[in-house]
Amino acid sequence: MNSPEDASPVSPFSVWIRRISMFLMSIGATGFVAAVAWWFMFFEQMLGIDVKAASECFYRTTMECQAGNFVGSFMEKSPYEPMFMWVVVAVAIIGFLVYIFTSES
Protein backbone atom coordinates (compact mmCIF):
# COMPACT_ATOMS: atom_id res chain seq x y z
CA MET A 1 0.00 0.00 0.00
CA ASN A 2 1.32 3.44 -0.88
CA SER A 3 1.24 5.94 1.90
CA PRO A 4 2.21 9.61 1.82
CA GLU A 5 5.35 8.75 3.76
CA ASP A 6 6.50 6.40 0.96
CA ALA A 7 6.37 9.13 -1.66
CA SER A 8 9.61 10.96 -2.24
CA PRO A 9 9.33 14.70 -1.72
CA VAL A 10 9.48 16.93 -4.77
CA SER A 11 12.81 18.70 -5.04
CA PRO A 12 12.48 22.51 -4.84
CA PHE A 13 15.19 22.74 -7.52
CA SER A 14 13.14 20.54 -9.85
CA VAL A 15 10.04 22.67 -9.30
CA TRP A 16 12.06 25.83 -9.95
CA ILE A 17 13.55 24.41 -13.18
CA ARG A 18 10.12 23.35 -14.45
CA ARG A 19 8.72 26.83 -13.75
CA ILE A 20 11.62 28.43 -15.60
CA SER A 21 11.05 26.09 -18.55
CA MET A 22 7.34 26.97 -18.66
CA PHE A 23 8.32 30.64 -18.58
CA LEU A 24 10.69 30.08 -21.52
CA MET A 25 7.94 28.31 -23.48
CA SER A 26 5.61 31.25 -22.77
CA ILE A 27 8.22 33.74 -23.95
CA GLY A 28 8.73 31.67 -27.10
CA ALA A 29 5.02 31.47 -27.88
CA THR A 30 4.44 35.16 -27.21
CA GLY A 31 7.50 36.09 -29.25
CA PHE A 32 6.32 33.93 -32.16
CA VAL A 33 2.95 35.70 -32.18
CA ALA A 34 4.81 39.04 -32.07
CA ALA A 35 7.02 37.94 -35.00
CA VAL A 36 3.96 37.04 -37.08
CA ALA A 37 2.36 40.39 -36.26
CA TRP A 38 5.59 42.29 -37.05
CA TRP A 39 6.02 40.44 -40.37
CA PHE A 40 2.38 41.02 -41.34
CA MET A 41 2.30 44.71 -40.40
CA PHE A 42 5.59 45.46 -42.16
CA PHE A 43 4.86 43.69 -45.44
CA GLU A 44 1.17 44.58 -45.48
CA GLN A 45 2.02 48.28 -45.68
CA MET A 46 4.20 47.60 -48.74
CA LEU A 47 2.25 44.83 -50.50
CA GLY A 48 -1.29 45.43 -49.32
CA ILE A 49 -3.54 42.38 -49.54
CA ASP A 50 -0.86 40.36 -51.39
CA VAL A 51 1.21 39.90 -48.21
CA LYS A 52 1.55 36.17 -48.94
CA ALA A 53 4.06 37.11 -51.63
CA ALA A 54 6.46 37.84 -48.76
CA SER A 55 5.86 34.55 -46.96
CA GLU A 56 9.44 33.43 -47.56
CA CYS A 57 10.63 36.59 -45.80
CA PHE A 58 9.05 35.30 -42.59
CA TYR A 59 11.74 32.68 -42.01
CA ARG A 60 14.71 33.80 -44.14
CA THR A 61 16.09 36.90 -45.82
CA THR A 62 16.31 36.60 -49.59
CA MET A 63 17.47 39.29 -52.01
CA GLU A 64 13.84 40.32 -52.53
CA CYS A 65 13.36 40.56 -48.77
CA GLN A 66 16.48 42.69 -48.42
CA ALA A 67 15.15 45.03 -51.11
CA GLY A 68 11.81 45.18 -49.31
CA ASN A 69 13.54 45.87 -46.00
CA PHE A 70 15.57 48.65 -47.63
CA VAL A 71 12.48 50.28 -49.11
CA GLY A 72 10.55 49.69 -45.91
CA SER A 73 13.25 51.33 -43.81
CA PHE A 74 12.06 54.67 -45.21
CA MET A 75 8.58 54.02 -43.78
CA GLU A 76 7.47 54.42 -40.18
CA LYS A 77 7.84 50.77 -39.13
CA SER A 78 11.14 48.98 -38.56
CA PRO A 79 12.02 46.38 -41.18
CA TYR A 80 11.12 42.79 -40.26
CA GLU A 81 14.04 40.63 -39.14
CA PRO A 82 13.56 36.81 -39.32
CA MET A 83 16.33 36.29 -36.75
CA PHE A 84 13.86 37.41 -34.07
CA MET A 85 11.49 34.59 -35.04
CA TRP A 86 14.31 32.01 -34.93
CA VAL A 87 15.49 33.21 -31.52
CA VAL A 88 12.03 32.93 -29.94
CA VAL A 89 11.50 29.51 -31.54
CA ALA A 90 14.84 28.38 -30.06
CA VAL A 91 13.82 29.73 -26.63
CA ALA A 92 10.53 27.82 -26.81
CA ILE A 93 12.27 24.59 -27.86
CA ILE A 94 14.85 24.91 -25.08
CA GLY A 95 12.06 25.49 -22.57
CA PHE A 96 10.17 22.46 -23.89
CA LEU A 97 13.21 20.18 -23.76
CA VAL A 98 14.10 21.28 -20.24
CA TYR A 99 10.49 20.69 -19.17
CA ILE A 100 10.40 17.20 -20.71
CA PHE A 101 13.74 16.07 -19.28
CA THR A 102 13.22 17.50 -15.78
CA SER A 103 11.60 14.95 -13.51
CA GLU A 104 8.56 15.90 -11.48
CA SER A 105 9.96 14.30 -8.36
C-alpha atoms as a PDB file:
ATOM      1  CA  MET A   1       0.000   0.000   0.000  1.00  0.00           C
ATOM      2  CA  ASN A   2       1.322   3.437  -0.883  1.00  0.00           C
ATOM      3  CA  SER A   3       1.241   5.941   1.899  1.00  0.00           C
ATOM      4  CA  PRO A   4       2.207   9.612   1.816  1.00  0.00           C
ATOM      5  CA  GLU A   5       5.351   8.748   3.762  1.00  0.00           C
ATOM      6  CA  ASP A   6       6.499   6.402   0.963  1.00  0.00           C
ATOM      7  CA  ALA A   7       6.372   9.135  -1.663  1.00  0.00           C
ATOM      8  CA  SER A   8       9.606  10.964  -2.244  1.00  0.00           C
ATOM      9  CA  PRO A   9       9.331  14.705  -1.724  1.00  0.00           C
ATOM     10  CA  VAL A  10       9.484  16.935  -4.771  1.00  0.00           C
ATOM     11  CA  SER A  11      12.808  18.705  -5.039  1.00  0.00           C
ATOM     12  CA  PRO A  12      12.481  22.506  -4.840  1.00  0.00           C
ATOM     13  CA  PHE A  13      15.186  22.740  -7.518  1.00  0.00           C
ATOM     14  CA  SER A  14      13.144  20.537  -9.848  1.00  0.00           C
ATOM     15  CA  VAL A  15      10.042  22.672  -9.297  1.00  0.00           C
ATOM     16  CA  TRP A  16      12.063  25.828  -9.951  1.00  0.00           C
ATOM     17  CA  ILE A  17      13.547  24.414 -13.177  1.00  0.00           C
ATOM     18  CA  ARG A  18      10.115  23.350 -14.452  1.00  0.00           C
ATOM     19  CA  ARG A  19       8.716  26.834 -13.754  1.00  0.00           C
ATOM     20  CA  ILE A  20      11.618  28.428 -15.601  1.00  0.00           C
ATOM     21  CA  SER A  21      11.052  26.089 -18.553  1.00  0.00           C
ATOM     22  CA  MET A  22       7.343  26.971 -18.665  1.00  0.00           C
ATOM     23  CA  PHE A  23       8.320  30.639 -18.582  1.00  0.00           C
ATOM     24  CA  LEU A  24      10.695  30.076 -21.521  1.00  0.00           C
ATOM     25  CA  MET A  25       7.944  28.315 -23.485  1.00  0.00           C
ATOM     26  CA  SER A  26       5.607  31.249 -22.775  1.00  0.00           C
ATOM     27  CA  ILE A  27       8.225  33.741 -23.954  1.00  0.00           C
ATOM     28  CA  GLY A  28       8.733  31.668 -27.104  1.00  0.00           C
ATOM     29  CA  ALA A  29       5.017  31.467 -27.885  1.00  0.00           C
ATOM     30  CA  THR A  30       4.442  35.160 -27.210  1.00  0.00           C
ATOM     31  CA  GLY A  31       7.500  36.088 -29.252  1.00  0.00           C
ATOM     32  CA  PHE A  32       6.323  33.934 -32.156  1.00  0.00           C
ATOM     33  CA  VAL A  33       2.953  35.699 -32.181  1.00  0.00           C
ATOM     34  CA  ALA A  34       4.810  39.037 -32.071  1.00  0.00           C
ATOM     35  CA  ALA A  35       7.020  37.937 -34.997  1.00  0.00           C
ATOM     36  CA  VAL A  36       3.957  37.036 -37.082  1.00  0.00           C
ATOM     37  CA  ALA A  37       2.364  40.394 -36.256  1.00  0.00           C
ATOM     38  CA  TRP A  38       5.591  42.288 -37.050  1.00  0.00           C
ATOM     39  CA  TRP A  39       6.017  40.441 -40.367  1.00  0.00           C
ATOM     40  CA  PHE A  40       2.383  41.020 -41.338  1.00  0.00           C
ATOM     41  CA  MET A  41       2.298  44.707 -40.399  1.00  0.00           C
ATOM     42  CA  PHE A  42       5.586  45.457 -42.162  1.00  0.00           C
ATOM     43  CA  PHE A  43       4.864  43.689 -45.438  1.00  0.00           C
ATOM     44  CA  GLU A  44       1.174  44.576 -45.479  1.00  0.00           C
ATOM     45  CA  GLN A  45       2.015  48.280 -45.680  1.00  0.00           C
ATOM     46  CA  MET A  46       4.199  47.602 -48.741  1.00  0.00           C
ATOM     47  CA  LEU A  47       2.250  44.827 -50.496  1.00  0.00           C
ATOM     48  CA  GLY A  48      -1.287  45.426 -49.317  1.00  0.00           C
ATOM     49  CA  ILE A  49      -3.537  42.378 -49.543  1.00  0.00           C
ATOM     50  CA  ASP A  50      -0.865  40.359 -51.394  1.00  0.00           C
ATOM     51  CA  VAL A  51       1.210  39.899 -48.213  1.00  0.00           C
ATOM     52  CA  LYS A  52       1.551  36.167 -48.940  1.00  0.00           C
ATOM     53  CA  ALA A  53       4.064  37.113 -51.630  1.00  0.00           C
ATOM     54  CA  ALA A  54       6.462  37.845 -48.765  1.00  0.00           C
ATOM     55  CA  SER A  55       5.861  34.549 -46.956  1.00  0.00           C
ATOM     56  CA  GLU A  56       9.441  33.426 -47.560  1.00  0.00           C
ATOM     57  CA  CYS A  57      10.632  36.586 -45.804  1.00  0.00           C
ATOM     58  CA  PHE A  58       9.051  35.298 -42.589  1.00  0.00           C
ATOM     59  CA  TYR A  59      11.737  32.677 -42.010  1.00  0.00           C
ATOM     60  CA  ARG A  60      14.705  33.801 -44.141  1.00  0.00           C
ATOM     61  CA  THR A  61      16.088  36.899 -45.820  1.00  0.00           C
ATOM     62  CA  THR A  62      16.307  36.597 -49.586  1.00  0.00           C
ATOM     63  CA  MET A  63      17.473  39.285 -52.014  1.00  0.00           C
ATOM     64  CA  GLU A  64      13.836  40.323 -52.526  1.00  0.00           C
ATOM     65  CA  CYS A  65      13.356  40.557 -48.767  1.00  0.00           C
ATOM     66  CA  GLN A  66      16.485  42.695 -48.422  1.00  0.00           C
ATOM     67  CA  ALA A  67      15.149  45.026 -51.113  1.00  0.00           C
ATOM     68  CA  GLY A  68      11.811  45.177 -49.311  1.00  0.00           C
ATOM     69  CA  ASN A  69      13.536  45.869 -46.002  1.00  0.00           C
ATOM     70  CA  PHE A  70      15.567  48.653 -47.630  1.00  0.00           C
ATOM     71  CA  VAL A  71      12.481  50.284 -49.113  1.00  0.00           C
ATOM     72  CA  GLY A  72      10.552  49.685 -45.909  1.00  0.00           C
ATOM     73  CA  SER A  73      13.247  51.325 -43.808  1.00  0.00           C
ATOM     74  CA  PHE A  74      12.055  54.668 -45.207  1.00  0.00           C
ATOM     75  CA  MET A  75       8.579  54.023 -43.785  1.00  0.00           C
ATOM     76  CA  GLU A  76       7.469  54.425 -40.180  1.00  0.00           C
ATOM     77  CA  LYS A  77       7.837  50.769 -39.131  1.00  0.00           C
ATOM     78  CA  SER A  78      11.139  48.983 -38.557  1.00  0.00           C
ATOM     79  CA  PRO A  79      12.015  46.376 -41.176  1.00  0.00           C
ATOM     80  CA  TYR A  80      11.116  42.794 -40.264  1.00  0.00           C
ATOM     81  CA  GLU A  81      14.035  40.628 -39.143  1.00  0.00           C
ATOM     82  CA  PRO A  82      13.562  36.812 -39.325  1.00  0.00           C
ATOM     83  CA  MET A  83      16.327  36.293 -36.750  1.00  0.00           C
ATOM     84  CA  PHE A  84      13.855  37.409 -34.066  1.00  0.00           C
ATOM     85  CA  MET A  85      11.493  34.591 -35.041  1.00  0.00           C
ATOM     86  CA  TRP A  86      14.311  32.009 -34.935  1.00  0.00           C
ATOM     87  CA  VAL A  87      15.487  33.212 -31.516  1.00  0.00           C
ATOM     88  CA  VAL A  88      12.030  32.934 -29.944  1.00  0.00           C
ATOM     89  CA  VAL A  89      11.496  29.510 -31.536  1.00  0.00           C
ATOM     90  CA  ALA A  90      14.835  28.377 -30.057  1.00  0.00           C
ATOM     91  CA  VAL A  91      13.824  29.731 -26.634  1.00  0.00           C
ATOM     92  CA  ALA A  92      10.526  27.817 -26.809  1.00  0.00           C
ATOM     93  CA  ILE A  93      12.273  24.591 -27.859  1.00  0.00           C
ATOM     94  CA  ILE A  94      14.852  24.910 -25.077  1.00  0.00           C
ATOM     95  CA  GLY A  95      12.062  25.485 -22.570  1.00  0.00           C
ATOM     96  CA  PHE A  96      10.167  22.465 -23.889  1.00  0.00           C
ATOM     97  CA  LEU A  97      13.213  20.179 -23.758  1.00  0.00           C
ATOM     98  CA  VAL A  98      14.096  21.275 -20.244  1.00  0.00           C
ATOM     99  CA  TYR A  99      10.493  20.691 -19.171  1.00  0.00           C
ATOM    100  CA  ILE A 100      10.404  17.204 -20.709  1.00  0.00           C
ATOM    101  CA  PHE A 101      13.740  16.070 -19.277  1.00  0.00           C
ATOM    102  CA  THR A 102      13.222  17.499 -15.777  1.00  0.00           C
ATOM    103  CA  SER A 103      11.596  14.953 -13.506  1.00  0.00           C
ATOM    104  CA  GLU A 104       8.557  15.896 -11.478  1.00  0.00           C
ATOM    105  CA  SER A 105       9.957  14.299  -8.361  1.00  0.00           C
END
